[in-house]
Amino acid sequence: MIKVKFITQSHDDICDIVENILNSKIDVADWIAAHIPGISFDCMNYPYGTENCYECYFQSENDSDAAQNIYKVLKRYFAEVNDINVEIWTVDSKLDDINNVVKF
């Protein structure tokens, strides 16, 4: 499974910020799933009970390749954005982090 984590130090809703950057009117996880072949949305989480961190999880046949594809797509949108950090992880069935694929 793959985890994509968005974090901001802003007190604004991270999903609203990300959707504006993606120029999307659909949910962040749905946008990612629509742009990456071979993945499907599994679940989401606001891990700290706040709106400044959002995690979305995806299923894939090959997590390593799918995580790299997610990185390539998201990097185009977030490479120059200073107030949002993006992390992509592979995780186990308990959603525990296994391997950090990339942070930017």
PDB file of N, CA and C in Angstrom:
ATOM      1  N   MET A   1       0.854  -1.167   0.000  1.00  0.00           N
ATOM      2  CA  MET A   1       0.000   0.000   0.000  1.00  0.00           C
ATOM      3  C   MET A   1       0.904   1.234   0.000  1.00  0.00           C
ATOM      4  N   ILE A   2       0.394   2.338  -0.504  1.00  0.00           N
ATOM      5  CA  ILE A   2       1.137   3.588  -0.622  1.00  0.00           C
ATOM      6  C   ILE A   2       0.437   4.664   0.198  1.00  0.00           C
ATOM      7  N   LYS A   3       1.236   5.451   0.920  1.00  0.00           N
ATOM      8  CA  LYS A   3       0.704   6.595   1.664  1.00  0.00           C
ATOM      9  C   LYS A   3       1.267   7.871   1.051  1.00  0.00           C
ATOM     10  N   VAL A   4       0.387   8.818   0.765  1.00  0.00           N
ATOM     11  CA  VAL A   4       0.799  10.150   0.330  1.00  0.00           C
ATOM     12  C   VAL A   4       0.378  11.102   1.441  1.00  0.00           C
ATOM     13  N   LYS A   5       1.356  11.843   1.964  1.00  0.00           N
ATOM     14  CA  LYS A   5       1.113  12.721   3.109  1.00  0.00           C
ATOM     15  C   LYS A   5       1.416  14.158   2.716  1.00  0.00           C
ATOM     16  N   PHE A   6       0.453  15.041   2.969  1.00  0.00           N
ATOM     17  CA  PHE A   6       0.612  16.467   2.726  1.00  0.00           C
ATOM     18  C   PHE A   6       0.628  17.172   4.077  1.00  0.00           C
ATOM     19  N   ILE A   7       1.605  18.065   4.281  1.00  0.00           N
ATOM     20  CA  ILE A   7       1.734  18.767   5.554  1.00  0.00           C
ATOM     21  C   ILE A   7       1.965  20.248   5.276  1.00  0.00           C
ATOM     22  N   THR A   8       1.322  21.103   6.063  1.00  0.00           N
ATOM     23  CA  THR A   8       1.569  22.536   5.984  1.00  0.00           C
ATOM     24  C   THR A   8       1.675  23.103   7.389  1.00  0.00           C
ATOM     25  N   GLN A   9       2.421  24.169   7.525  1.00  0.00           N
ATOM     26  CA  GLN A   9       2.505  24.877   8.802  1.00  0.00           C
ATOM     27  C   GLN A   9       1.395  25.919   8.914  1.00  0.00           C
ATOM     28  N   SER A  10       0.719  26.142   7.819  1.00  0.00           N
ATOM     29  CA  SER A  10      -0.399  27.072   7.790  1.00  0.00           C
ATOM     30  C   SER A  10      -1.551  26.513   8.621  1.00  0.00           C
ATOM     31  N   HIS A  11      -2.406  27.374   9.056  1.00  0.00           N
ATOM     32  CA  HIS A  11      -3.589  26.930   9.796  1.00  0.00           C
ATOM     33  C   HIS A  11      -4.789  26.740   8.875  1.00  0.00           C
ATOM     34  N   ASP A  12      -4.556  26.820   7.576  1.00  0.00           N
ATOM     35  CA  ASP A  12      -5.613  26.608   6.599  1.00  0.00           C
ATOM     36  C   ASP A  12      -5.811  25.119   6.370  1.00  0.00           C
ATOM     37  N   ASP A  13      -6.948  24.749   5.830  1.00  0.00           N
ATOM     38  CA  ASP A  13      -7.257  23.354   5.525  1.00  0.00           C
ATOM     39  C   ASP A  13      -6.333  22.868   4.414  1.00  0.00           C
ATOM     40  N   ILE A  14      -5.517  21.868   4.703  1.00  0.00           N
ATOM     41  CA  ILE A  14      -4.538  21.354   3.747  1.00  0.00           C
ATOM     42  C   ILE A  14      -5.204  20.858   2.465  1.00  0.00           C
ATOM     43  N   CYS A  15      -6.354  20.243   2.573  1.00  0.00           N
ATOM     44  CA  CYS A  15      -7.029  19.736   1.366  1.00  0.00           C
ATOM     45  C   CYS A  15      -7.442  20.878   0.450  1.00  0.00           C
ATOM     46  N   ASP A  16      -7.927  21.972   1.023  1.00  0.00           N
ATOM     47  CA  ASP A  16      -8.278  23.136   0.202  1.00  0.00           C
ATOM     48  C   ASP A  16      -7.053  23.692  -0.507  1.00  0.00           C
ATOM     49  N   ILE A  17      -5.935  23.775   0.219  1.00  0.00           N
ATOM     50  CA  ILE A  17      -4.698  24.292  -0.374  1.00  0.00           C
ATOM     51  C   ILE A  17      -4.248  23.397  -1.523  1.00  0.00           C
ATOM     52  N   VAL A  18      -4.223  22.092  -1.289  1.00  0.00           N
ATOM     53  CA  VAL A  18      -3.763  21.142  -2.307  1.00  0.00           C
ATOM     54  C   VAL A  18      -4.692  21.156  -3.514  1.00  0.00           C
ATOM     55  N   GLU A  19      -5.990  21.180  -3.289  1.00  0.00           N
ATOM     56  CA  GLU A  19      -6.936  21.217  -4.407  1.00  0.00           C
ATOM     57  C   GLU A  19      -6.740  22.476  -5.242  1.00  0.00           C
ATOM     58  N   ASN A  20      -6.421  23.605  -4.613  1.00  0.00           N
ATOM     59  CA  ASN A  20      -6.154  24.836  -5.367  1.00  0.00           C
ATOM     60  C   ASN A  20      -4.889  24.705  -6.200  1.00  0.00           C
ATOM     61  N   ILE A  21      -3.837  24.101  -5.642  1.00  0.00           N
ATOM     62  CA  ILE A  21      -2.598  23.908  -6.389  1.00  0.00           C
ATOM     63  C   ILE A  21      -2.822  22.973  -7.576  1.00  0.00           C
ATOM     64  N   LEU A  22      -3.596  21.932  -7.370  1.00  0.00           N
ATOM     65  CA  LEU A  22      -3.892  20.984  -8.449  1.00  0.00           C
ATOM     66  C   LEU A  22      -4.923  21.527  -9.427  1.00  0.00           C
ATOM     67  N   ASN A  23      -5.499  22.678  -9.077  1.00  0.00           N
ATOM     68  CA  ASN A  23      -6.554  23.279  -9.891  1.00  0.00           C
ATOM     69  C   ASN A  23      -7.676  22.269 -10.120  1.00  0.00           C
ATOM     70  N   SER A  24      -8.086  21.652  -9.013  1.00  0.00           N
ATOM     71  CA  SER A  24      -9.054  20.570  -9.073  1.00  0.00           C
ATOM     72  C   SER A  24     -10.310  20.887  -8.282  1.00  0.00           C
ATOM     73  N   LYS A  25     -11.408  20.416  -8.788  1.00  0.00           N
ATOM     74  CA  LYS A  25     -12.672  20.561  -8.073  1.00  0.00           C
ATOM     75  C   LYS A  25     -13.092  19.245  -7.430  1.00  0.00           C
ATOM     76  N   ILE A  26     -12.219  18.232  -7.525  1.00  0.00           N
ATOM     77  CA  ILE A  26     -12.512  16.943  -6.897  1.00  0.00           C
ATOM     78  C   ILE A  26     -11.549  16.712  -5.731  1.00  0.00           C
ATOM     79  N   ASP A  27     -11.873  15.755  -4.900  1.00  0.00           N
ATOM     80  CA  ASP A  27     -11.065  15.407  -3.746  1.00  0.00           C
ATOM     81  C   ASP A  27      -9.631  15.069  -4.154  1.00  0.00           C
ATOM     82  N   VAL A  28      -8.669  15.405  -3.294  1.00  0.00           N
ATOM     83  CA  VAL A  28      -7.251  15.166  -3.557  1.00  0.00           C
ATOM     84  C   VAL A  28      -6.989  13.700  -3.911  1.00  0.00           C
ATOM     85  N   ALA A  29      -7.484  12.786  -3.097  1.00  0.00           N
ATOM     86  CA  ALA A  29      -7.246  11.357  -3.339  1.00  0.00           C
ATOM     87  C   ALA A  29      -7.840  10.914  -4.670  1.00  0.00           C
ATOM     88  N   ASP A  30      -9.015  11.404  -5.002  1.00  0.00           N
ATOM     89  CA  ASP A  30      -9.627  11.063  -6.289  1.00  0.00           C
ATOM     90  C   ASP A  30      -8.802  11.601  -7.449  1.00  0.00           C
ATOM     91  N   TRP A  31      -8.257  12.805  -7.284  1.00  0.00           N
ATOM     92  CA  TRP A  31      -7.420  13.406  -8.322  1.00  0.00           C
ATOM     93  C   TRP A  31      -6.186  12.546  -8.554  1.00  0.00           C
ATOM     94  N   ILE A  32      -5.515  12.148  -7.468  1.00  0.00           N
ATOM     95  CA  ILE A  32      -4.312  11.319  -7.599  1.00  0.00           C
ATOM     96  C   ILE A  32      -4.652   9.995  -8.284  1.00  0.00           C
ATOM     97  N   ALA A  33      -5.712   9.336  -7.832  1.00  0.00           N
ATOM     98  CA  ALA A  33      -6.111   8.053  -8.422  1.00  0.00           C
ATOM     99  C   ALA A  33      -6.434   8.198  -9.907  1.00  0.00           C
ATOM    100  N   ALA A  34      -7.018   9.320 -10.296  1.00  0.00           N
ATOM    101  CA  ALA A  34      -7.380   9.539 -11.699  1.00  0.00           C
ATOM    102  C   ALA A  34      -6.147   9.781 -12.582  1.00  0.00           C
ATOM    103  N   HIS A  35      -5.048  10.241 -11.987  1.00  0.00           N
ATOM    104  CA  HIS A  35      -3.862  10.583 -12.762  1.00  0.00           C
ATOM    105  C   HIS A  35      -2.760   9.520 -12.735  1.00  0.00           C
ATOM    106  N   ILE A  36      -2.934   8.485 -11.935  1.00  0.00           N
ATOM    107  CA  ILE A  36      -1.920   7.437 -11.826  1.00  0.00           C
ATOM    108  C   ILE A  36      -2.551   6.099 -12.206  1.00  0.00           C
ATOM    109  N   PRO A  37      -2.184   5.541 -13.343  1.00  0.00           N
ATOM    110  CA  PRO A  37      -2.744   4.243 -13.743  1.00  0.00           C
ATOM    111  C   PRO A  37      -2.357   3.149 -12.743  1.00  0.00           C
ATOM    112  N   GLY A  38      -3.287   2.260 -12.461  1.00  0.00           N
ATOM    113  CA  GLY A  38      -2.994   1.089 -11.652  1.00  0.00           C
ATOM    114  C   GLY A  38      -3.116   1.258 -10.154  1.00  0.00           C
ATOM    115  N   ILE A  39      -3.594   2.420  -9.691  1.00  0.00           N
ATOM    116  CA  ILE A  39      -3.807   2.570  -8.253  1.00  0.00           C
ATOM    117  C   ILE A  39      -5.279   2.831  -7.984  1.00  0.00           C
ATOM    118  N   SER A  40      -5.696   2.507  -6.779  1.00  0.00           N
ATOM    119  CA  SER A  40      -7.065   2.810  -6.363  1.00  0.00           C
ATOM    120  C   SER A  40      -7.031   3.334  -4.937  1.00  0.00           C
ATOM    121  N   PHE A  41      -7.913   4.284  -4.667  1.00  0.00           N
ATOM    122  CA  PHE A  41      -7.994   4.894  -3.345  1.00  0.00           C
ATOM    123  C   PHE A  41      -8.440   3.851  -2.327  1.00  0.00           C
ATOM    124  N   ASP A  42      -7.817   3.860  -1.154  1.00  0.00           N
ATOM    125  CA  ASP A  42      -8.169   2.939  -0.084  1.00  0.00           C
ATOM    126  C   ASP A  42      -8.803   3.668   1.091  1.00  0.00           C
ATOM    127  N   CYS A  43      -8.092   4.633   1.686  1.00  0.00           N
ATOM    128  CA  CYS A  43      -8.625   5.363   2.835  1.00  0.00           C
ATOM    129  C   CYS A  43      -7.853   6.656   3.017  1.00  0.00           C
ATOM    130  N   MET A  44      -8.317   7.484   3.958  1.00  0.00           N
ATOM    131  CA  MET A  44      -7.649   8.744   4.256  1.00  0.00           C
ATOM    132  C   MET A  44      -7.605   8.950   5.758  1.00  0.00           C
ATOM    133  N   ASN A  45      -6.797   9.939   6.179  1.00  0.00           N
ATOM    134  CA  ASN A  45      -6.623  10.193   7.601  1.00  0.00           C
ATOM    135  C   ASN A  45      -6.134  11.625   7.821  1.00  0.00           C
ATOM    136  N   TYR A  46      -6.622  12.247   8.881  1.00  0.00           N
ATOM    137  CA  TYR A  46      -6.039  13.488   9.395  1.00  0.00           C
ATOM    138  C   TYR A  46      -5.326  13.064  10.677  1.00  0.00           C
ATOM    139  N   PRO A  47      -4.028  12.705  10.606  1.00  0.00           N
ATOM    140  CA  PRO A  47      -3.372  11.994  11.709  1.00  0.00           C
ATOM    141  C   PRO A  47      -3.251  12.734  13.031  1.00  0.00           C
ATOM    142  N   TYR A  48      -3.225  14.028  13.004  1.00  0.00           N
ATOM    143  CA  TYR A  48      -3.040  14.757  14.256  1.00  0.00           C
ATOM    144  C   TYR A  48      -4.322  15.429  14.718  1.00  0.00           C
ATOM    145  N   GLY A  49      -5.424  15.073  14.093  1.00  0.00           N
ATOM    146  CA  GLY A  49      -6.706  15.661  14.450  1.00  0.00           C
ATOM    147  C   GLY A  49      -6.820  17.113  14.023  1.00  0.00           C
ATOM    148  N   THR A  50      -5.944  17.549  13.141  1.00  0.00           N
ATOM    149  CA  THR A  50      -5.978  18.919  12.649  1.00  0.00           C
ATOM    150  C   THR A  50      -6.105  18.897  11.131  1.00  0.00           C
ATOM    151  N   GLU A  51      -6.389  20.039  10.580  1.00  0.00           N
ATOM    152  CA  GLU A  51      -6.556  20.131   9.134  1.00  0.00           C
ATOM    153  C   GLU A  51      -5.258  20.473   8.411  1.00  0.00           C
ATOM    154  N   ASN A  52      -4.120  20.536   9.135  1.00  0.00           N
ATOM    155  CA  ASN A  52      -2.877  20.900   8.450  1.00  0.00           C
ATOM    156  C   ASN A  52      -2.041  19.688   8.024  1.00  0.00           C
ATOM    157  N   CYS A  53      -2.565  18.483   8.234  1.00  0.00           N
ATOM    158  CA  CYS A  53      -1.893  17.271   7.767  1.00  0.00           C
ATOM    159  C   CYS A  53      -2.960  16.308   7.234  1.00  0.00           C
ATOM    160  N   TYR A  54      -2.719  15.786   6.045  1.00  0.00           N
ATOM    161  CA  TYR A  54      -3.674  14.881   5.400  1.00  0.00           C
ATOM    162  C   TYR A  54      -2.903  13.720   4.799  1.00  0.00           C
ATOM    163  N   GLU A  55      -3.360  12.512   5.054  1.00  0.00           N
ATOM    164  CA  GLU A  55      -2.773  11.317   4.472  1.00  0.00           C
ATOM    165  C   GLU A  55      -3.833  10.591   3.651  1.00  0.00           C
ATOM    166  N   CYS A  56      -3.447  10.136   2.472  1.00  0.00           N
ATOM    167  CA  CYS A  56      -4.348   9.305   1.687  1.00  0.00           C
ATOM    168  C   CYS A  56      -3.574   8.056   1.272  1.00  0.00           C
ATOM    169  N   TYR A  57      -4.292   6.946   1.258  1.00  0.00           N
ATOM    170  CA  TYR A  57      -3.694   5.631   1.025  1.00  0.00           C
ATOM    171  C   TYR A  57      -4.264   5.020  -0.250  1.00  0.00           C
ATOM    172  N   PHE A  58      -3.383   4.322  -0.969  1.00  0.00           N
ATOM    173  CA  PHE A  58      -3.762   3.728  -2.243  1.00  0.00           C
ATOM    174  C   PHE A  58      -3.291   2.280  -2.310  1.00  0.00           C
ATOM    175  N   GLN A  59      -4.082   1.461  -2.985  1.00  0.00           N
ATOM    176  CA  GLN A  59      -3.731   0.078  -3.279  1.00  0.00           C
ATOM    177  C   GLN A  59      -3.099   0.031  -4.666  1.00  0.00           C
ATOM    178  N   SER A  60      -2.164  -0.901  -4.839  1.00  0.00           N
ATOM    179  CA  SER A  60      -1.496  -1.064  -6.123  1.00  0.00           C
ATOM    180  C   SER A  60      -0.929  -2.472  -6.219  1.00  0.00           C
ATOM    181  N   GLU A  61      -0.773  -2.949  -7.435  1.00  0.00           N
ATOM    182  CA  GLU A  61      -0.120  -4.242  -7.646  1.00  0.00           C
ATOM    183  C   GLU A  61       1.379  -4.155  -7.375  1.00  0.00           C
ATOM    184  N   ASN A  62       1.980  -3.016  -7.706  1.00  0.00           N
ATOM    185  CA  ASN A  62       3.409  -2.813  -7.502  1.00  0.00           C
ATOM    186  C   ASN A  62       3.603  -1.466  -6.809  1.00  0.00           C
ATOM    187  N   ASP A  63       3.682  -1.494  -5.491  1.00  0.00           N
ATOM    188  CA  ASP A  63       3.726  -0.255  -4.714  1.00  0.00           C
ATOM    189  C   ASP A  63       4.929   0.613  -5.044  1.00  0.00           C
ATOM    190  N   SER A  64       6.069   0.008  -5.236  1.00  0.00           N
ATOM    191  CA  SER A  64       7.284   0.776  -5.504  1.00  0.00           C
ATOM    192  C   SER A  64       7.153   1.575  -6.801  1.00  0.00           C
ATOM    193  N   ASP A  65       6.710   0.926  -7.865  1.00  0.00           N
ATOM    194  CA  ASP A  65       6.536   1.615  -9.150  1.00  0.00           C
ATOM    195  C   ASP A  65       5.436   2.669  -9.058  1.00  0.00           C
ATOM    196  N   ALA A  66       4.332   2.326  -8.419  1.00  0.00           N
ATOM    197  CA  ALA A  66       3.226   3.277  -8.293  1.00  0.00           C
ATOM    198  C   ALA A  66       3.653   4.499  -7.481  1.00  0.00           C
ATOM    199  N   ALA A  67       4.421   4.284  -6.413  1.00  0.00           N
ATOM    200  CA  ALA A  67       4.894   5.408  -5.597  1.00  0.00           C
ATOM    201  C   ALA A  67       5.784   6.333  -6.427  1.00  0.00           C
ATOM    202  N   GLN A  68       6.637   5.765  -7.259  1.00  0.00           N
ATOM    203  CA  GLN A  68       7.483   6.592  -8.129  1.00  0.00           C
ATOM    204  C   GLN A  68       6.643   7.377  -9.132  1.00  0.00           C
ATOM    205  N   ASN A  69       5.590   6.751  -9.661  1.00  0.00           N
ATOM    206  CA  ASN A  69       4.705   7.454 -10.594  1.00  0.00           C
ATOM    207  C   ASN A  69       3.954   8.591  -9.902  1.00  0.00           C
ATOM    208  N   ILE A  70       3.513   8.363  -8.680  1.00  0.00           N
ATOM    209  CA  ILE A  70       2.849   9.425  -7.911  1.00  0.00           C
ATOM    210  C   ILE A  70       3.816  10.584  -7.718  1.00  0.00           C
ATOM    211  N   TYR A  71       5.047  10.260  -7.347  1.00  0.00           N
ATOM    212  CA  TYR A  71       6.065  11.295  -7.162  1.00  0.00           C
ATOM    213  C   TYR A  71       6.248  12.125  -8.430  1.00  0.00           C
ATOM    214  N   LYS A  72       6.392  11.466  -9.570  1.00  0.00           N
ATOM    215  CA  LYS A  72       6.616  12.184 -10.825  1.00  0.00           C
ATOM    216  C   LYS A  72       5.479  13.148 -11.129  1.00  0.00           C
ATOM    217  N   VAL A  73       4.245  12.727 -10.889  1.00  0.00           N
ATOM    218  CA  VAL A  73       3.096  13.589 -11.171  1.00  0.00           C
ATOM    219  C   VAL A  73       3.025  14.744 -10.175  1.00  0.00           C
ATOM    220  N   LEU A  74       3.128  14.442  -8.882  1.00  0.00           N
ATOM    221  CA  LEU A  74       2.988  15.490  -7.865  1.00  0.00           C
ATOM    222  C   LEU A  74       4.148  16.477  -7.884  1.00  0.00           C
ATOM    223  N   LYS A  75       5.327  16.032  -8.244  1.00  0.00           N
ATOM    224  CA  LYS A  75       6.480  16.927  -8.277  1.00  0.00           C
ATOM    225  C   LYS A  75       6.247  18.099  -9.226  1.00  0.00           C
ATOM    226  N   ARG A  76       5.545  17.856 -10.314  1.00  0.00           N
ATOM    227  CA  ARG A  76       5.250  18.927 -11.269  1.00  0.00           C
ATOM    228  C   ARG A  76       4.445  20.050 -10.623  1.00  0.00           C
ATOM    229  N   TYR A  77       3.622  19.700  -9.654  1.00  0.00           N
ATOM    230  CA  TYR A  77       2.749  20.683  -9.013  1.00  0.00           C
ATOM    231  C   TYR A  77       3.343  21.275  -7.737  1.00  0.00           C
ATOM    232  N   PHE A  78       4.175  20.524  -7.025  1.00  0.00           N
ATOM    233  CA  PHE A  78       4.599  20.945  -5.690  1.00  0.00           C
ATOM    234  C   PHE A  78       6.079  21.264  -5.555  1.00  0.00           C
ATOM    235  N   ALA A  79       6.880  21.092  -6.596  1.00  0.00           N
ATOM    236  CA  ALA A  79       8.323  21.323  -6.493  1.00  0.00           C
ATOM    237  C   ALA A  79       8.650  22.753  -6.060  1.00  0.00           C
ATOM    238  N   GLU A  80       7.871  23.712  -6.497  1.00  0.00           N
ATOM    239  CA  GLU A  80       8.140  25.117  -6.189  1.00  0.00           C
ATOM    240  C   GLU A  80       7.269  25.675  -5.070  1.00  0.00           C
ATOM    241  N   VAL A  81       6.481  24.838  -4.430  1.00  0.00           N
ATOM    242  CA  VAL A  81       5.589  25.291  -3.358  1.00  0.00           C
ATOM    243  C   VAL A  81       6.332  25.151  -2.027  1.00  0.00           C
ATOM    244  N   ASN A  82       6.552  26.272  -1.364  1.00  0.00           N
ATOM    245  CA  ASN A  82       7.367  26.259  -0.151  1.00  0.00           C
ATOM    246  C   ASN A  82       6.613  25.913   1.118  1.00  0.00           C
ATOM    247  N   ASP A  83       5.332  26.175   1.177  1.00  0.00           N
ATOM    248  CA  ASP A  83       4.614  25.999   2.449  1.00  0.00           C
ATOM    249  C   ASP A  83       3.902  24.652   2.581  1.00  0.00           C
ATOM    250  N   ILE A  84       4.166  23.728   1.653  1.00  0.00           N
ATOM    251  CA  ILE A  84       3.596  22.378   1.748  1.00  0.00           C
ATOM    252  C   ILE A  84       4.699  21.354   1.553  1.00  0.00           C
ATOM    253  N   ASN A  85       4.761  20.387   2.459  1.00  0.00           N
ATOM    254  CA  ASN A  85       5.666  19.252   2.316  1.00  0.00           C
ATOM    255  C   ASN A  85       4.845  18.049   1.861  1.00  0.00           C
ATOM    256  N   VAL A  86       5.417  17.290   0.960  1.00  0.00           N
ATOM    257  CA  VAL A  86       4.777  16.073   0.468  1.00  0.00           C
ATOM    258  C   VAL A  86       5.707  14.905   0.769  1.00  0.00           C
ATOM    259  N   GLU A  87       5.143  13.849   1.348  1.00  0.00           N
ATOM    260  CA  GLU A  87       5.897  12.629   1.607  1.00  0.00           C
ATOM    261  C   GLU A  87       5.148  11.466   0.963  1.00  0.00           C
ATOM    262  N   ILE A  88       5.907  10.557   0.366  1.00  0.00           N
ATOM    263  CA  ILE A  88       5.314   9.361  -0.228  1.00  0.00           C
ATOM    264  C   ILE A  88       6.003   8.162   0.409  1.00  0.00           C
ATOM    265  N   TRP A  89       5.206   7.271   0.959  1.00  0.00           N
ATOM    266  CA  TRP A  89       5.690   6.098   1.691  1.00  0.00           C
ATOM    267  C   TRP A  89       5.050   4.834   1.136  1.00  0.00           C
ATOM    268  N   THR A  90       5.746   3.714   1.264  1.00  0.00           N
ATOM    269  CA  THR A  90       5.078   2.432   1.154  1.00  0.00           C
ATOM    270  C   THR A  90       4.794   1.997   2.590  1.00  0.00           C
ATOM    271  N   VAL A  91       3.646   1.391   2.806  1.00  0.00           N
ATOM    272  CA  VAL A  91       3.221   0.999   4.155  1.00  0.00           C
ATOM    273  C   VAL A  91       2.727  -0.440   4.138  1.00  0.00           C
ATOM    274  N   ASP A  92       2.678  -1.033   5.336  1.00  0.00           N
ATOM    275  CA  ASP A  92       2.170  -2.396   5.434  1.00  0.00           C
ATOM    276  C   ASP A  92       0.661  -2.391   5.658  1.00  0.00           C
ATOM    277  N   SER A  93       0.079  -3.551   5.851  1.00  0.00           N
ATOM    278  CA  SER A  93      -1.376  -3.665   5.990  1.00  0.00           C
ATOM    279  C   SER A  93      -1.907  -2.999   7.256  1.00  0.00           C
ATOM    280  N   LYS A  94      -1.020  -2.733   8.220  1.00  0.00           N
ATOM    281  CA  LYS A  94      -1.421  -2.023   9.444  1.00  0.00           C
ATOM    282  C   LYS A  94      -1.219  -0.514   9.295  1.00  0.00           C
ATOM    283  N   LEU A  95      -0.821  -0.089   8.098  1.00  0.00           N
ATOM    284  CA  LEU A  95      -0.547   1.307   7.751  1.00  0.00           C
ATOM    285  C   LEU A  95       0.692   1.844   8.440  1.00  0.00           C
ATOM    286  N   ASP A  96       1.571   0.950   8.887  1.00  0.00           N
ATOM    287  CA  ASP A  96       2.852   1.357   9.452  1.00  0.00           C
ATOM    288  C   ASP A  96       3.819   1.644   8.315  1.00  0.00           C
ATOM    289  N   ASP A  97       4.588   2.738   8.445  1.00  0.00           N
ATOM    290  CA  ASP A  97       5.547   3.108   7.412  1.00  0.00           C
ATOM    291  C   ASP A  97       6.607   2.030   7.255  1.00  0.00           C
ATOM    292  N   ILE A  98       6.889   1.682   6.007  1.00  0.00           N
ATOM    293  CA  ILE A  98       7.928   0.703   5.699  1.00  0.00           C
ATOM    294  C   ILE A  98       9.115   1.409   5.053  1.00  0.00           C
ATOM    295  N   ASN A  99       8.836   2.173   4.016  1.00  0.00           N
ATOM    296  CA  ASN A  99       9.913   2.784   3.239  1.00  0.00           C
ATOM    297  C   ASN A  99       9.481   4.165   2.774  1.00  0.00           C
ATOM    298  N   ASN A 100      10.303   5.160   3.094  1.00  0.00           N
ATOM    299  CA  ASN A 100      10.050   6.501   2.589  1.00  0.00           C
ATOM    300  C   ASN A 100      10.561   6.565   1.173  1.00  0.00           C
ATOM    301  N   VAL A 101       9.678   6.735   0.224  1.00  0.00           N
ATOM    302  CA  VAL A 101      10.055   6.796  -1.170  1.00  0.00           C
ATOM    303  C   VAL A 101      10.669   8.143  -1.476  1.00  0.00           C
ATOM    304  N   VAL A 102      10.015   9.214  -1.023  1.00  0.00           N
ATOM    305  CA  VAL A 102      10.520  10.557  -1.306  1.00  0.00           C
ATOM    306  C   VAL A 102       9.819  11.586  -0.427  1.00  0.00           C
ATOM    307  N   LYS A 103      10.522  12.663  -0.128  1.00  0.00           N
ATOM    308  CA  LYS A 103       9.954  13.840   0.527  1.00  0.00           C
ATOM    309  C   LYS A 103      10.333  15.048  -0.316  1.00  0.00           C
ATOM    310  N   PHE A 104       9.405  15.945  -0.509  1.00  0.00           N
ATOM    311  CA  PHE A 104       9.733  17.198  -1.213  1.00  0.00           C
ATOM    312  C   PHE A 104       8.799  18.280  -0.748  1.00  0.00           C
TER     313      PHE A 104
END
